[in-house]
Amino acid sequence: MNAYNEIIMQQLTAGIIELVPDDEQHIGPHYYIPHRVIEKLDLLTTKLRIVLDASSHMRNEQSLNDCIHPGPSILKS
């Protein structure tokens, strides 16, 4: 799990993810986006990556994916 910890630290440094201070953990409603590790050890470059599940949601609530503007399609039709 050294590679996992390294990726987490890189994402913290880059501002992609953030720590929740102890004094803010129980203030108001909040939701943490679940994540999982994808391992592809046969690849030469990215053997491990962390994937966030922005479609996850609490019961009777919207997900992050439901709340963000999808933007224009960049796929050629």
N, C-alpha and C. Protein backbone atom coordinates (compact mmCIF):
# COMPACT_ATOMS: atom_id res chain seq x y z
N MET A 1 0.80 -1.20 0.00
CA MET A 1 0.00 0.00 0.00
C MET A 1 0.85 1.27 0.00
N ASN A 2 2.15 1.14 -0.13
CA ASN A 2 3.00 2.33 -0.25
C ASN A 2 2.61 3.17 -1.45
N ALA A 3 2.31 2.51 -2.58
CA ALA A 3 1.93 3.24 -3.79
C ALA A 3 0.62 3.99 -3.57
N TYR A 4 -0.31 3.37 -2.86
CA TYR A 4 -1.59 4.01 -2.53
C TYR A 4 -1.34 5.27 -1.70
N ASN A 5 -0.56 5.15 -0.64
CA ASN A 5 -0.26 6.29 0.22
C ASN A 5 0.44 7.41 -0.55
N GLU A 6 1.31 7.03 -1.47
CA GLU A 6 2.02 8.02 -2.29
C GLU A 6 1.04 8.80 -3.16
N ILE A 7 0.08 8.11 -3.76
CA ILE A 7 -0.93 8.77 -4.60
C ILE A 7 -1.79 9.71 -3.75
N ILE A 8 -2.20 9.24 -2.57
CA ILE A 8 -3.00 10.08 -1.67
C ILE A 8 -2.22 11.35 -1.31
N MET A 9 -0.95 11.22 -0.99
CA MET A 9 -0.14 12.39 -0.64
C MET A 9 0.02 13.34 -1.83
N GLN A 10 0.18 12.79 -3.05
CA GLN A 10 0.28 13.62 -4.25
C GLN A 10 -1.02 14.40 -4.46
N GLN A 11 -2.16 13.72 -4.26
CA GLN A 11 -3.45 14.38 -4.44
C GLN A 11 -3.69 15.45 -3.38
N LEU A 12 -3.25 15.20 -2.16
CA LEU A 12 -3.34 16.23 -1.11
C LEU A 12 -2.51 17.45 -1.48
N THR A 13 -1.28 17.22 -1.92
CA THR A 13 -0.37 18.31 -2.29
C THR A 13 -0.92 19.12 -3.47
N ALA A 14 -1.54 18.42 -4.43
CA ALA A 14 -2.08 19.09 -5.63
C ALA A 14 -3.43 19.76 -5.37
N GLY A 15 -4.02 19.54 -4.20
CA GLY A 15 -5.32 20.14 -3.90
C GLY A 15 -6.49 19.39 -4.50
N ILE A 16 -6.27 18.18 -4.97
CA ILE A 16 -7.34 17.37 -5.54
C ILE A 16 -8.26 16.87 -4.43
N ILE A 17 -7.67 16.49 -3.32
CA ILE A 17 -8.42 16.06 -2.14
C ILE A 17 -7.98 16.92 -0.97
N GLU A 18 -8.73 16.89 0.11
CA GLU A 18 -8.36 17.67 1.28
C GLU A 18 -8.69 16.91 2.55
N LEU A 19 -7.94 17.20 3.59
CA LEU A 19 -8.22 16.65 4.90
C LEU A 19 -9.36 17.44 5.53
N VAL A 20 -10.21 16.75 6.26
CA VAL A 20 -11.26 17.42 7.02
C VAL A 20 -10.73 17.62 8.43
N PRO A 21 -10.58 18.88 8.87
CA PRO A 21 -10.07 19.12 10.22
C PRO A 21 -10.97 18.46 11.27
N ASP A 22 -10.37 17.99 12.35
CA ASP A 22 -11.12 17.30 13.41
C ASP A 22 -12.30 18.12 13.91
N ASP A 23 -12.11 19.43 14.04
CA ASP A 23 -13.18 20.27 14.58
C ASP A 23 -14.31 20.52 13.59
N GLU A 24 -14.18 20.08 12.34
CA GLU A 24 -15.23 20.25 11.34
C GLU A 24 -15.91 18.94 10.97
N GLN A 25 -15.45 17.83 11.48
CA GLN A 25 -15.97 16.53 11.06
C GLN A 25 -17.43 16.31 11.45
N HIS A 26 -17.90 16.98 12.47
CA HIS A 26 -19.27 16.72 12.94
C HIS A 26 -20.17 17.95 12.81
N ILE A 27 -19.77 18.90 11.97
CA ILE A 27 -20.56 20.12 11.79
C ILE A 27 -21.43 19.96 10.55
N GLY A 28 -22.72 20.01 10.74
CA GLY A 28 -23.67 19.99 9.63
C GLY A 28 -23.63 18.72 8.81
N PRO A 29 -24.55 18.64 7.86
CA PRO A 29 -24.57 17.46 6.99
C PRO A 29 -23.39 17.51 6.02
N HIS A 30 -22.82 16.37 5.77
CA HIS A 30 -21.71 16.27 4.82
C HIS A 30 -21.67 14.85 4.27
N TYR A 31 -20.96 14.70 3.18
CA TYR A 31 -20.88 13.40 2.52
C TYR A 31 -19.48 13.24 1.95
N TYR A 32 -18.91 12.09 2.15
CA TYR A 32 -17.58 11.79 1.62
C TYR A 32 -17.73 10.89 0.40
N ILE A 33 -17.08 11.24 -0.68
CA ILE A 33 -17.15 10.44 -1.90
C ILE A 33 -16.30 9.19 -1.71
N PRO A 34 -16.92 8.01 -1.84
CA PRO A 34 -16.13 6.78 -1.69
C PRO A 34 -15.14 6.62 -2.84
N HIS A 35 -14.10 5.87 -2.58
CA HIS A 35 -13.10 5.61 -3.61
C HIS A 35 -12.63 4.16 -3.50
N ARG A 36 -11.98 3.73 -4.56
CA ARG A 36 -11.39 2.39 -4.57
C ARG A 36 -10.12 2.41 -5.39
N VAL A 37 -9.34 1.39 -5.22
CA VAL A 37 -8.07 1.27 -5.92
C VAL A 37 -8.24 0.34 -7.11
N ILE A 38 -7.72 0.76 -8.25
CA ILE A 38 -7.68 -0.09 -9.44
C ILE A 38 -6.22 -0.45 -9.67
N GLU A 39 -5.92 -1.74 -9.68
CA GLU A 39 -4.55 -2.21 -9.91
C GLU A 39 -4.46 -2.90 -11.26
N LYS A 40 -3.50 -2.51 -12.04
CA LYS A 40 -3.19 -3.18 -13.31
C LYS A 40 -1.68 -3.35 -13.33
N LEU A 41 -1.23 -4.39 -12.69
CA LEU A 41 0.21 -4.60 -12.49
C LEU A 41 0.96 -4.89 -13.78
N ASP A 42 0.24 -5.28 -14.85
CA ASP A 42 0.90 -5.59 -16.11
C ASP A 42 1.23 -4.33 -16.92
N LEU A 43 0.72 -3.16 -16.53
CA LEU A 43 1.02 -1.92 -17.25
C LEU A 43 2.40 -1.41 -16.88
N LEU A 44 3.04 -0.72 -17.82
CA LEU A 44 4.37 -0.18 -17.57
C LEU A 44 4.33 1.14 -16.81
N THR A 45 3.25 1.92 -16.99
CA THR A 45 3.22 3.25 -16.37
C THR A 45 2.36 3.25 -15.11
N THR A 46 1.07 3.41 -15.24
CA THR A 46 0.18 3.56 -14.09
C THR A 46 -0.33 2.21 -13.63
N LYS A 47 0.36 1.61 -12.69
CA LYS A 47 -0.02 0.29 -12.20
C LYS A 47 -1.17 0.37 -11.19
N LEU A 48 -1.29 1.51 -10.55
CA LEU A 48 -2.31 1.69 -9.52
C LEU A 48 -2.91 3.08 -9.67
N ARG A 49 -4.24 3.15 -9.60
CA ARG A 49 -4.90 4.45 -9.63
C ARG A 49 -6.08 4.42 -8.68
N ILE A 50 -6.44 5.58 -8.20
CA ILE A 50 -7.56 5.72 -7.28
C ILE A 50 -8.73 6.30 -8.06
N VAL A 51 -9.89 5.65 -7.95
CA VAL A 51 -11.08 6.06 -8.66
C VAL A 51 -12.12 6.52 -7.64
N LEU A 52 -12.63 7.74 -7.83
CA LEU A 52 -13.68 8.28 -6.97
C LEU A 52 -15.04 7.94 -7.56
N ASP A 53 -16.00 7.59 -6.72
CA ASP A 53 -17.35 7.22 -7.17
C ASP A 53 -18.30 8.39 -6.94
N ALA A 54 -18.31 9.34 -7.87
CA ALA A 54 -19.14 10.53 -7.74
C ALA A 54 -20.61 10.25 -8.03
N SER A 55 -20.95 9.02 -8.43
CA SER A 55 -22.36 8.66 -8.62
C SER A 55 -22.98 8.12 -7.33
N SER A 56 -22.16 7.88 -6.33
CA SER A 56 -22.65 7.40 -5.04
C SER A 56 -23.43 8.51 -4.34
N HIS A 57 -24.45 8.13 -3.60
CA HIS A 57 -25.25 9.12 -2.88
C HIS A 57 -25.91 8.50 -1.66
N MET A 58 -26.35 9.35 -0.75
CA MET A 58 -27.10 8.90 0.41
C MET A 58 -28.55 8.65 -0.02
N ARG A 59 -29.26 7.88 0.75
CA ARG A 59 -30.65 7.56 0.42
C ARG A 59 -31.46 8.85 0.27
N ASN A 60 -32.23 8.92 -0.80
CA ASN A 60 -33.11 10.06 -1.10
C ASN A 60 -32.35 11.38 -1.29
N GLU A 61 -31.09 11.31 -1.64
CA GLU A 61 -30.28 12.50 -1.90
C GLU A 61 -29.65 12.39 -3.28
N GLN A 62 -29.19 13.50 -3.82
CA GLN A 62 -28.53 13.50 -5.11
C GLN A 62 -27.04 13.21 -4.95
N SER A 63 -26.46 12.66 -6.01
CA SER A 63 -25.02 12.43 -6.04
C SER A 63 -24.33 13.69 -6.56
N LEU A 64 -23.02 13.73 -6.47
CA LEU A 64 -22.27 14.84 -7.05
C LEU A 64 -22.51 14.89 -8.55
N ASN A 65 -22.54 13.73 -9.20
CA ASN A 65 -22.80 13.69 -10.65
C ASN A 65 -24.15 14.30 -11.00
N ASP A 66 -25.15 14.12 -10.11
CA ASP A 66 -26.47 14.69 -10.36
C ASP A 66 -26.46 16.21 -10.27
N CYS A 67 -25.53 16.77 -9.52
CA CYS A 67 -25.53 18.21 -9.21
C CYS A 67 -24.66 19.05 -10.13
N ILE A 68 -23.73 18.43 -10.85
CA ILE A 68 -22.82 19.23 -11.67
C ILE A 68 -23.33 19.36 -13.10
N HIS A 69 -22.97 20.45 -13.74
CA HIS A 69 -23.35 20.69 -15.13
C HIS A 69 -22.53 19.77 -16.03
N PRO A 70 -23.19 19.01 -16.92
CA PRO A 70 -22.45 18.04 -17.73
C PRO A 70 -21.55 18.66 -18.80
N GLY A 71 -21.84 19.88 -19.21
CA GLY A 71 -21.03 20.51 -20.25
C GLY A 71 -21.34 19.92 -21.62
N PRO A 72 -20.72 20.48 -22.65
CA PRO A 72 -20.98 19.99 -24.00
C PRO A 72 -20.32 18.64 -24.25
N SER A 73 -20.89 17.88 -25.15
CA SER A 73 -20.30 16.60 -25.53
C SER A 73 -19.06 16.87 -26.37
N ILE A 74 -17.97 16.19 -26.06
CA ILE A 74 -16.74 16.37 -26.84
C ILE A 74 -16.52 15.20 -27.80
N LEU A 75 -17.48 14.28 -27.82
CA LEU A 75 -17.38 13.14 -28.73
C LEU A 75 -17.89 13.53 -30.10
N LYS A 76 -17.20 13.09 -31.12
CA LYS A 76 -17.65 13.35 -32.49
C LYS A 76 -18.76 12.37 -32.82
N SER A 77 -19.84 12.89 -33.43
CA SER A 77 -20.96 12.01 -33.77
C SER A 77 -20.90 11.55 -35.19
